[in-house]
N, C-alpha and C. Protein backbone atom coordinates (compact mmCIF):
# COMPACT_ATOMS: atom_id res chain seq x y z
N MET A 1 17.16 10.27 -6.45
CA MET A 1 16.53 11.15 -5.50
C MET A 1 16.72 12.62 -5.90
N LEU A 2 16.40 12.92 -7.12
CA LEU A 2 16.58 14.27 -7.65
C LEU A 2 15.80 15.33 -6.88
N LEU A 3 14.68 14.94 -6.30
CA LEU A 3 13.83 15.89 -5.60
C LEU A 3 13.88 15.72 -4.09
N LYS A 4 14.89 15.08 -3.58
CA LYS A 4 14.98 14.78 -2.16
C LYS A 4 14.76 16.03 -1.33
N ASP A 5 13.76 15.96 -0.47
CA ASP A 5 13.39 17.02 0.47
C ASP A 5 12.90 18.30 -0.18
N LYS A 6 12.64 18.28 -1.48
CA LYS A 6 12.04 19.44 -2.14
C LYS A 6 10.54 19.43 -1.85
N VAL A 7 9.98 20.58 -1.57
CA VAL A 7 8.56 20.71 -1.25
C VAL A 7 7.83 21.17 -2.51
N ILE A 8 6.87 20.35 -2.94
CA ILE A 8 6.19 20.60 -4.21
C ILE A 8 4.68 20.52 -4.02
N ILE A 9 3.98 21.50 -4.57
CA ILE A 9 2.52 21.48 -4.66
C ILE A 9 2.16 20.80 -5.97
N VAL A 10 1.16 19.91 -5.93
CA VAL A 10 0.62 19.29 -7.14
C VAL A 10 -0.89 19.47 -7.10
N THR A 11 -1.45 20.18 -8.08
CA THR A 11 -2.90 20.30 -8.15
C THR A 11 -3.43 19.30 -9.18
N GLY A 12 -4.71 18.99 -9.05
CA GLY A 12 -5.27 17.95 -9.90
C GLY A 12 -4.67 16.60 -9.55
N ALA A 13 -4.30 16.44 -8.28
CA ALA A 13 -3.54 15.27 -7.83
C ALA A 13 -4.39 14.06 -7.50
N SER A 14 -5.70 14.14 -7.66
CA SER A 14 -6.55 13.02 -7.27
C SER A 14 -6.62 11.92 -8.32
N SER A 15 -6.17 12.19 -9.55
CA SER A 15 -6.23 11.17 -10.60
C SER A 15 -5.35 11.60 -11.78
N GLY A 16 -5.24 10.71 -12.75
CA GLY A 16 -4.58 11.02 -14.01
C GLY A 16 -3.16 11.50 -13.88
N ILE A 17 -2.83 12.53 -14.67
CA ILE A 17 -1.48 13.08 -14.72
C ILE A 17 -1.03 13.56 -13.34
N GLY A 18 -1.91 14.23 -12.61
CA GLY A 18 -1.55 14.75 -11.30
C GLY A 18 -1.18 13.67 -10.31
N ALA A 19 -1.97 12.60 -10.26
CA ALA A 19 -1.67 11.49 -9.35
C ALA A 19 -0.38 10.80 -9.76
N ALA A 20 -0.19 10.57 -11.05
CA ALA A 20 1.03 9.93 -11.53
C ALA A 20 2.25 10.78 -11.22
N ALA A 21 2.13 12.08 -11.40
CA ALA A 21 3.24 12.98 -11.10
C ALA A 21 3.56 12.96 -9.60
N ALA A 22 2.52 12.99 -8.77
CA ALA A 22 2.73 12.96 -7.33
C ALA A 22 3.50 11.71 -6.92
N LEU A 23 3.12 10.57 -7.46
CA LEU A 23 3.81 9.32 -7.13
C LEU A 23 5.25 9.34 -7.62
N LYS A 24 5.48 9.90 -8.79
CA LYS A 24 6.84 9.99 -9.33
C LYS A 24 7.69 10.96 -8.50
N PHE A 25 7.12 12.09 -8.12
CA PHE A 25 7.85 13.05 -7.30
C PHE A 25 8.19 12.43 -5.95
N ALA A 26 7.26 11.68 -5.38
CA ALA A 26 7.50 11.02 -4.09
C ALA A 26 8.63 10.00 -4.23
N GLU A 27 8.63 9.28 -5.32
CA GLU A 27 9.68 8.30 -5.60
C GLU A 27 11.06 8.97 -5.62
N GLN A 28 11.07 10.24 -6.01
CA GLN A 28 12.32 11.01 -6.08
C GLN A 28 12.63 11.75 -4.78
N GLY A 29 11.84 11.52 -3.73
CA GLY A 29 12.12 12.08 -2.42
C GLY A 29 11.45 13.39 -2.07
N ALA A 30 10.50 13.84 -2.89
CA ALA A 30 9.83 15.12 -2.62
C ALA A 30 8.85 15.01 -1.46
N LYS A 31 8.60 16.14 -0.83
CA LYS A 31 7.54 16.30 0.16
C LYS A 31 6.41 17.02 -0.56
N LEU A 32 5.21 16.46 -0.48
CA LEU A 32 4.14 16.93 -1.35
C LEU A 32 2.95 17.53 -0.63
N VAL A 33 2.44 18.61 -1.22
CA VAL A 33 1.17 19.19 -0.84
C VAL A 33 0.25 18.92 -2.03
N LEU A 34 -0.73 18.04 -1.82
CA LEU A 34 -1.57 17.58 -2.91
C LEU A 34 -2.92 18.26 -2.87
N GLY A 35 -3.33 18.80 -4.01
CA GLY A 35 -4.60 19.51 -4.09
C GLY A 35 -5.50 18.93 -5.17
N ALA A 36 -6.80 18.91 -4.89
CA ALA A 36 -7.83 18.50 -5.84
C ALA A 36 -9.19 18.68 -5.17
N ARG A 37 -10.25 18.61 -5.95
CA ARG A 37 -11.60 18.77 -5.41
C ARG A 37 -12.11 17.52 -4.72
N ARG A 38 -11.80 16.36 -5.25
CA ARG A 38 -12.38 15.11 -4.74
C ARG A 38 -11.58 14.59 -3.54
N ARG A 39 -12.09 14.87 -2.36
CA ARG A 39 -11.39 14.56 -1.10
C ARG A 39 -10.98 13.09 -1.01
N ASP A 40 -11.91 12.17 -1.24
CA ASP A 40 -11.60 10.75 -1.06
C ASP A 40 -10.49 10.29 -2.00
N ALA A 41 -10.59 10.65 -3.26
CA ALA A 41 -9.57 10.26 -4.23
C ALA A 41 -8.23 10.92 -3.90
N LEU A 42 -8.27 12.17 -3.47
CA LEU A 42 -7.04 12.88 -3.11
C LEU A 42 -6.38 12.22 -1.91
N GLU A 43 -7.16 11.89 -0.91
CA GLU A 43 -6.61 11.24 0.28
C GLU A 43 -6.06 9.85 -0.05
N ALA A 44 -6.66 9.17 -1.03
CA ALA A 44 -6.14 7.87 -1.45
C ALA A 44 -4.75 8.02 -2.07
N VAL A 45 -4.56 9.04 -2.90
CA VAL A 45 -3.24 9.29 -3.49
C VAL A 45 -2.24 9.66 -2.40
N ALA A 46 -2.64 10.53 -1.48
CA ALA A 46 -1.75 10.89 -0.37
C ALA A 46 -1.37 9.66 0.43
N GLY A 47 -2.32 8.74 0.62
CA GLY A 47 -2.04 7.50 1.32
C GLY A 47 -1.02 6.65 0.58
N GLN A 48 -1.13 6.57 -0.74
CA GLN A 48 -0.15 5.84 -1.54
C GLN A 48 1.24 6.44 -1.35
N VAL A 49 1.31 7.76 -1.35
CA VAL A 49 2.59 8.44 -1.19
C VAL A 49 3.18 8.11 0.18
N THR A 50 2.39 8.23 1.22
CA THR A 50 2.93 8.01 2.57
C THR A 50 3.29 6.54 2.78
N ARG A 51 2.55 5.62 2.15
CA ARG A 51 2.91 4.21 2.26
C ARG A 51 4.24 3.92 1.57
N SER A 52 4.64 4.78 0.66
CA SER A 52 5.93 4.61 -0.02
C SER A 52 7.05 5.30 0.76
N ASN A 53 6.75 5.71 2.00
CA ASN A 53 7.70 6.36 2.90
C ASN A 53 8.08 7.77 2.47
N ALA A 54 7.22 8.41 1.73
CA ALA A 54 7.41 9.82 1.39
C ALA A 54 6.37 10.62 2.18
N ALA A 55 6.56 11.93 2.22
CA ALA A 55 5.66 12.81 2.97
C ALA A 55 4.66 13.47 2.03
N ALA A 56 3.40 13.47 2.45
CA ALA A 56 2.35 14.12 1.66
C ALA A 56 1.23 14.56 2.57
N VAL A 57 0.62 15.65 2.20
CA VAL A 57 -0.58 16.12 2.88
C VAL A 57 -1.61 16.46 1.80
N ALA A 58 -2.83 15.99 2.01
CA ALA A 58 -3.94 16.26 1.09
C ALA A 58 -4.68 17.51 1.55
N VAL A 59 -4.88 18.43 0.62
CA VAL A 59 -5.60 19.67 0.93
C VAL A 59 -6.72 19.82 -0.12
N PRO A 60 -7.90 19.30 0.18
CA PRO A 60 -9.00 19.39 -0.79
C PRO A 60 -9.45 20.84 -1.00
N GLY A 61 -9.81 21.15 -2.22
CA GLY A 61 -10.31 22.48 -2.54
C GLY A 61 -10.44 22.67 -4.03
N ASP A 62 -10.79 23.87 -4.43
CA ASP A 62 -11.06 24.19 -5.82
C ASP A 62 -10.07 25.24 -6.32
N VAL A 63 -9.34 24.93 -7.37
CA VAL A 63 -8.32 25.85 -7.89
C VAL A 63 -8.89 27.16 -8.39
N LYS A 64 -10.19 27.22 -8.62
CA LYS A 64 -10.81 28.47 -9.06
C LYS A 64 -10.85 29.50 -7.94
N ASP A 65 -10.64 29.07 -6.73
CA ASP A 65 -10.70 29.93 -5.55
C ASP A 65 -9.30 30.47 -5.24
N ALA A 66 -9.13 31.78 -5.30
CA ALA A 66 -7.82 32.39 -5.02
C ALA A 66 -7.33 32.03 -3.63
N GLY A 67 -8.22 31.94 -2.68
CA GLY A 67 -7.85 31.59 -1.32
C GLY A 67 -7.28 30.18 -1.22
N TYR A 68 -7.72 29.30 -2.10
CA TYR A 68 -7.21 27.93 -2.09
C TYR A 68 -5.75 27.90 -2.51
N ALA A 69 -5.38 28.68 -3.51
CA ALA A 69 -3.98 28.76 -3.93
C ALA A 69 -3.11 29.22 -2.77
N GLU A 70 -3.59 30.21 -2.04
CA GLU A 70 -2.86 30.70 -0.87
C GLU A 70 -2.78 29.64 0.22
N GLU A 71 -3.88 28.89 0.42
CA GLU A 71 -3.88 27.83 1.43
C GLU A 71 -2.85 26.75 1.12
N LEU A 72 -2.73 26.36 -0.14
CA LEU A 72 -1.74 25.34 -0.52
C LEU A 72 -0.33 25.80 -0.17
N VAL A 73 -0.03 27.06 -0.45
CA VAL A 73 1.29 27.61 -0.12
C VAL A 73 1.48 27.65 1.39
N GLU A 74 0.46 28.10 2.11
CA GLU A 74 0.56 28.16 3.57
C GLU A 74 0.82 26.78 4.17
N VAL A 75 0.15 25.76 3.65
CA VAL A 75 0.38 24.40 4.15
C VAL A 75 1.81 23.97 3.85
N ALA A 76 2.31 24.27 2.66
CA ALA A 76 3.70 23.92 2.32
C ALA A 76 4.67 24.57 3.29
N GLU A 77 4.43 25.84 3.59
CA GLU A 77 5.34 26.58 4.48
C GLU A 77 5.23 26.09 5.92
N GLU A 78 4.00 25.88 6.39
CA GLU A 78 3.80 25.47 7.78
C GLU A 78 4.21 24.03 8.02
N ARG A 79 3.88 23.15 7.10
CA ARG A 79 4.12 21.72 7.29
C ARG A 79 5.55 21.32 6.94
N PHE A 80 6.10 21.94 5.88
CA PHE A 80 7.40 21.50 5.38
C PHE A 80 8.47 22.58 5.34
N GLY A 81 8.14 23.79 5.76
CA GLY A 81 9.14 24.85 5.87
C GLY A 81 9.33 25.74 4.67
N GLY A 82 8.58 25.54 3.61
CA GLY A 82 8.72 26.40 2.43
C GLY A 82 8.18 25.72 1.19
N LEU A 83 8.49 26.31 0.05
CA LEU A 83 8.03 25.79 -1.24
C LEU A 83 9.17 25.84 -2.23
N ASP A 84 9.43 24.71 -2.90
CA ASP A 84 10.49 24.62 -3.91
C ASP A 84 9.96 24.50 -5.32
N GLY A 85 8.70 24.12 -5.46
CA GLY A 85 8.16 23.95 -6.80
C GLY A 85 6.67 23.69 -6.76
N ALA A 86 6.04 23.82 -7.92
CA ALA A 86 4.62 23.54 -8.04
C ALA A 86 4.33 23.00 -9.43
N PHE A 87 3.49 22.00 -9.47
CA PHE A 87 2.98 21.44 -10.72
C PHE A 87 1.49 21.75 -10.74
N ASN A 88 1.14 22.84 -11.40
CA ASN A 88 -0.24 23.32 -11.48
C ASN A 88 -0.91 22.60 -12.64
N ASN A 89 -1.56 21.49 -12.31
CA ASN A 89 -2.02 20.54 -13.30
C ASN A 89 -3.55 20.46 -13.41
N ALA A 90 -4.28 20.95 -12.44
CA ALA A 90 -5.75 20.83 -12.48
C ALA A 90 -6.29 21.47 -13.76
N GLY A 91 -7.26 20.82 -14.36
CA GLY A 91 -7.83 21.36 -15.59
C GLY A 91 -9.19 20.77 -15.90
N LYS A 92 -9.81 21.33 -16.91
CA LYS A 92 -11.17 20.92 -17.31
C LYS A 92 -11.30 21.05 -18.82
N LEU A 93 -11.87 20.03 -19.47
CA LEU A 93 -12.06 20.05 -20.91
C LEU A 93 -13.29 20.84 -21.34
N GLY A 94 -14.37 20.72 -20.63
CA GLY A 94 -15.64 21.30 -21.07
C GLY A 94 -16.46 20.23 -21.77
N SER A 95 -17.61 20.61 -22.27
CA SER A 95 -18.56 19.65 -22.83
C SER A 95 -18.24 19.20 -24.24
N GLY A 96 -17.41 19.95 -24.94
CA GLY A 96 -17.14 19.63 -26.33
C GLY A 96 -18.09 20.31 -27.30
N ALA A 97 -18.91 21.22 -26.79
CA ALA A 97 -19.84 21.95 -27.66
C ALA A 97 -19.09 22.98 -28.50
N MET A 98 -19.61 23.23 -29.67
CA MET A 98 -19.05 24.28 -30.53
C MET A 98 -19.21 25.62 -29.81
N VAL A 99 -18.40 26.59 -30.18
CA VAL A 99 -18.41 27.89 -29.48
C VAL A 99 -19.81 28.49 -29.42
N GLU A 100 -20.52 28.47 -30.53
CA GLU A 100 -21.85 29.10 -30.55
C GLU A 100 -22.87 28.36 -29.67
N ALA A 101 -22.56 27.12 -29.31
CA ALA A 101 -23.46 26.34 -28.45
C ALA A 101 -22.96 26.27 -27.01
N THR A 102 -21.81 26.87 -26.74
CA THR A 102 -21.26 26.88 -25.39
C THR A 102 -21.88 28.03 -24.61
N GLY A 103 -22.53 27.71 -23.52
CA GLY A 103 -23.16 28.74 -22.70
C GLY A 103 -22.12 29.54 -21.93
N PRO A 104 -22.49 30.75 -21.54
CA PRO A 104 -21.57 31.61 -20.79
C PRO A 104 -21.08 30.98 -19.49
N GLU A 105 -21.93 30.19 -18.84
CA GLU A 105 -21.52 29.56 -17.58
C GLU A 105 -20.42 28.54 -17.82
N GLU A 106 -20.59 27.71 -18.86
CA GLU A 106 -19.57 26.71 -19.17
C GLU A 106 -18.27 27.40 -19.58
N TRP A 107 -18.37 28.42 -20.43
CA TRP A 107 -17.18 29.17 -20.86
C TRP A 107 -16.42 29.68 -19.64
N ALA A 108 -17.13 30.33 -18.75
CA ALA A 108 -16.50 30.91 -17.55
C ALA A 108 -15.87 29.84 -16.67
N GLU A 109 -16.53 28.69 -16.55
CA GLU A 109 -16.02 27.59 -15.73
C GLU A 109 -14.70 27.05 -16.28
N VAL A 110 -14.64 26.83 -17.59
CA VAL A 110 -13.41 26.31 -18.20
C VAL A 110 -12.28 27.33 -18.11
N ILE A 111 -12.56 28.59 -18.41
CA ILE A 111 -11.55 29.63 -18.32
C ILE A 111 -11.05 29.78 -16.88
N ALA A 112 -11.96 29.75 -15.93
CA ALA A 112 -11.57 29.88 -14.52
C ALA A 112 -10.72 28.70 -14.06
N THR A 113 -11.09 27.50 -14.48
CA THR A 113 -10.36 26.30 -14.05
C THR A 113 -8.98 26.23 -14.69
N ASN A 114 -8.89 26.51 -15.98
CA ASN A 114 -7.64 26.30 -16.71
C ASN A 114 -6.72 27.51 -16.77
N LEU A 115 -7.27 28.70 -16.73
CA LEU A 115 -6.45 29.90 -16.89
C LEU A 115 -6.40 30.75 -15.63
N THR A 116 -7.53 31.15 -15.13
CA THR A 116 -7.54 32.03 -13.96
C THR A 116 -6.90 31.33 -12.76
N SER A 117 -7.08 30.03 -12.65
CA SER A 117 -6.45 29.29 -11.56
C SER A 117 -4.92 29.36 -11.66
N GLY A 118 -4.40 29.41 -12.88
CA GLY A 118 -2.95 29.56 -13.06
C GLY A 118 -2.46 30.90 -12.53
N TYR A 119 -3.24 31.94 -12.76
CA TYR A 119 -2.93 33.25 -12.20
C TYR A 119 -2.94 33.20 -10.67
N HIS A 120 -4.00 32.60 -10.11
CA HIS A 120 -4.09 32.49 -8.64
C HIS A 120 -2.88 31.73 -8.10
N ALA A 121 -2.54 30.63 -8.75
CA ALA A 121 -1.42 29.81 -8.30
C ALA A 121 -0.11 30.60 -8.36
N ALA A 122 0.17 31.21 -9.49
CA ALA A 122 1.41 31.97 -9.65
C ALA A 122 1.51 33.10 -8.64
N ARG A 123 0.42 33.79 -8.46
CA ARG A 123 0.39 34.92 -7.52
C ARG A 123 0.73 34.47 -6.09
N ALA A 124 0.26 33.29 -5.70
CA ALA A 124 0.54 32.77 -4.36
C ALA A 124 1.91 32.09 -4.28
N GLN A 125 2.30 31.41 -5.35
CA GLN A 125 3.50 30.59 -5.31
C GLN A 125 4.80 31.35 -5.55
N ILE A 126 4.79 32.34 -6.41
CA ILE A 126 6.04 33.04 -6.75
C ILE A 126 6.72 33.65 -5.52
N PRO A 127 6.01 34.36 -4.64
CA PRO A 127 6.70 34.89 -3.46
C PRO A 127 7.32 33.78 -2.59
N ALA A 128 6.63 32.65 -2.46
CA ALA A 128 7.16 31.54 -1.66
C ALA A 128 8.40 30.93 -2.31
N LEU A 129 8.40 30.83 -3.63
CA LEU A 129 9.57 30.31 -4.34
C LEU A 129 10.75 31.28 -4.20
N ARG A 130 10.47 32.56 -4.32
CA ARG A 130 11.54 33.56 -4.15
C ARG A 130 12.13 33.52 -2.74
N ALA A 131 11.27 33.29 -1.75
CA ALA A 131 11.74 33.22 -0.37
C ALA A 131 12.72 32.07 -0.16
N ARG A 132 12.62 31.03 -0.99
CA ARG A 132 13.52 29.88 -0.91
C ARG A 132 14.72 30.04 -1.84
N GLY A 133 14.80 31.16 -2.54
CA GLY A 133 15.91 31.38 -3.45
C GLY A 133 15.68 30.87 -4.85
N GLY A 134 14.45 30.53 -5.18
CA GLY A 134 14.12 30.06 -6.52
C GLY A 134 13.35 28.76 -6.47
N GLY A 135 13.07 28.22 -7.62
CA GLY A 135 12.33 26.97 -7.70
C GLY A 135 11.73 26.81 -9.07
N SER A 136 10.83 25.87 -9.20
CA SER A 136 10.20 25.57 -10.48
C SER A 136 8.70 25.74 -10.39
N LEU A 137 8.16 26.45 -11.35
CA LEU A 137 6.73 26.70 -11.46
C LEU A 137 6.30 26.10 -12.80
N VAL A 138 5.50 25.02 -12.75
CA VAL A 138 5.13 24.28 -13.95
C VAL A 138 3.61 24.25 -14.07
N PHE A 139 3.13 24.41 -15.30
CA PHE A 139 1.70 24.36 -15.60
C PHE A 139 1.48 23.30 -16.67
N THR A 140 0.34 22.62 -16.60
CA THR A 140 0.00 21.68 -17.67
C THR A 140 -0.66 22.48 -18.79
N GLY A 141 0.01 22.50 -19.92
CA GLY A 141 -0.51 23.18 -21.10
C GLY A 141 -1.07 22.17 -22.08
N SER A 142 -1.18 22.57 -23.33
CA SER A 142 -1.69 21.69 -24.37
C SER A 142 -1.35 22.29 -25.72
N PHE A 143 -1.22 21.42 -26.71
CA PHE A 143 -1.08 21.94 -28.07
C PHE A 143 -2.40 22.55 -28.53
N ILE A 144 -3.50 22.13 -27.89
CA ILE A 144 -4.82 22.69 -28.22
C ILE A 144 -4.84 24.16 -27.83
N GLY A 145 -5.03 25.01 -28.80
CA GLY A 145 -5.08 26.44 -28.54
C GLY A 145 -3.74 27.13 -28.74
N HIS A 146 -2.66 26.36 -28.67
CA HIS A 146 -1.33 26.96 -28.85
C HIS A 146 -0.87 26.78 -30.30
N THR A 147 -0.96 25.57 -30.81
CA THR A 147 -0.52 25.31 -32.19
C THR A 147 -1.62 24.75 -33.07
N ALA A 148 -2.68 24.25 -32.45
CA ALA A 148 -3.80 23.65 -33.20
C ALA A 148 -5.02 23.64 -32.30
N THR A 149 -6.12 23.17 -32.84
CA THR A 149 -7.31 22.95 -32.03
C THR A 149 -8.15 21.87 -32.66
N LEU A 150 -9.22 21.52 -32.01
CA LEU A 150 -10.15 20.51 -32.48
C LEU A 150 -11.56 21.08 -32.36
N PRO A 151 -12.50 20.57 -33.15
CA PRO A 151 -13.89 21.03 -33.03
C PRO A 151 -14.41 20.82 -31.61
N GLY A 152 -15.16 21.78 -31.13
CA GLY A 152 -15.77 21.67 -29.81
C GLY A 152 -14.83 21.98 -28.67
N MET A 153 -13.69 22.58 -28.94
CA MET A 153 -12.69 22.85 -27.91
C MET A 153 -12.44 24.34 -27.73
N GLY A 154 -13.42 25.18 -28.04
CA GLY A 154 -13.23 26.63 -28.00
C GLY A 154 -12.78 27.17 -26.66
N ALA A 155 -13.51 26.87 -25.61
CA ALA A 155 -13.15 27.38 -24.29
C ALA A 155 -11.84 26.78 -23.82
N TYR A 156 -11.65 25.48 -24.05
CA TYR A 156 -10.41 24.82 -23.65
C TYR A 156 -9.22 25.43 -24.40
N ALA A 157 -9.37 25.60 -25.72
CA ALA A 157 -8.30 26.17 -26.53
C ALA A 157 -7.95 27.58 -26.07
N ALA A 158 -8.97 28.39 -25.83
CA ALA A 158 -8.73 29.76 -25.37
C ALA A 158 -8.02 29.77 -24.03
N SER A 159 -8.43 28.88 -23.12
CA SER A 159 -7.82 28.85 -21.79
C SER A 159 -6.37 28.40 -21.85
N LYS A 160 -6.08 27.40 -22.68
CA LYS A 160 -4.70 26.89 -22.75
C LYS A 160 -3.79 27.86 -23.51
N ALA A 161 -4.31 28.54 -24.53
CA ALA A 161 -3.53 29.57 -25.20
C ALA A 161 -3.22 30.71 -24.23
N GLY A 162 -4.21 31.09 -23.43
CA GLY A 162 -3.99 32.11 -22.41
C GLY A 162 -2.97 31.68 -21.38
N LEU A 163 -2.99 30.40 -21.02
CA LEU A 163 -2.02 29.88 -20.06
C LEU A 163 -0.60 29.96 -20.61
N VAL A 164 -0.42 29.70 -21.90
CA VAL A 164 0.90 29.85 -22.52
C VAL A 164 1.35 31.31 -22.40
N GLY A 165 0.45 32.23 -22.68
CA GLY A 165 0.78 33.65 -22.55
C GLY A 165 1.15 34.03 -21.13
N LEU A 166 0.41 33.51 -20.17
CA LEU A 166 0.71 33.77 -18.76
C LEU A 166 2.09 33.24 -18.40
N MET A 167 2.40 32.02 -18.83
CA MET A 167 3.72 31.45 -18.53
C MET A 167 4.83 32.28 -19.15
N GLN A 168 4.62 32.74 -20.37
CA GLN A 168 5.64 33.57 -21.01
C GLN A 168 5.84 34.89 -20.25
N ALA A 169 4.76 35.47 -19.78
CA ALA A 169 4.86 36.72 -19.00
C ALA A 169 5.61 36.47 -17.70
N ILE A 170 5.34 35.35 -17.05
CA ILE A 170 6.02 35.03 -15.79
C ILE A 170 7.51 34.81 -16.05
N ALA A 171 7.82 34.06 -17.12
CA ALA A 171 9.23 33.78 -17.44
C ALA A 171 9.97 35.07 -17.74
């Protein structure tokens, strides 16, 4: 029960890494604020958590929205009394088009989802973590853009490299 009664936000919690992390955190006794765009899938994960006798609340929304990052923190504070950690996991790969074939809209969407959302999250979460005397702020990164890349991953690589820079600045 390493996380017993710790309040943790998990974004991208409706599937994949985010859902698996939420279930693992719940297994360790955490109280969870789960975020993702797909309401039904998110509520299904929250249901799994609560059926395991852990506490979870689903808060559907889009990480690209600064107000959503603030809402997740507000729910953590109002529902569970504060925030002890966050796993900012929501992300987007993009179409796989080469840079010269990637349209400005797709570029902006990937950067907003993978990088700008990290800024929104940190900006909302850091004051709440400080109010509790500290905590853990975690982002899902990638070797793509940090140490290597693959064809068709320009926007993704740029966003994840930027996320590494953001994390270093925060640290």
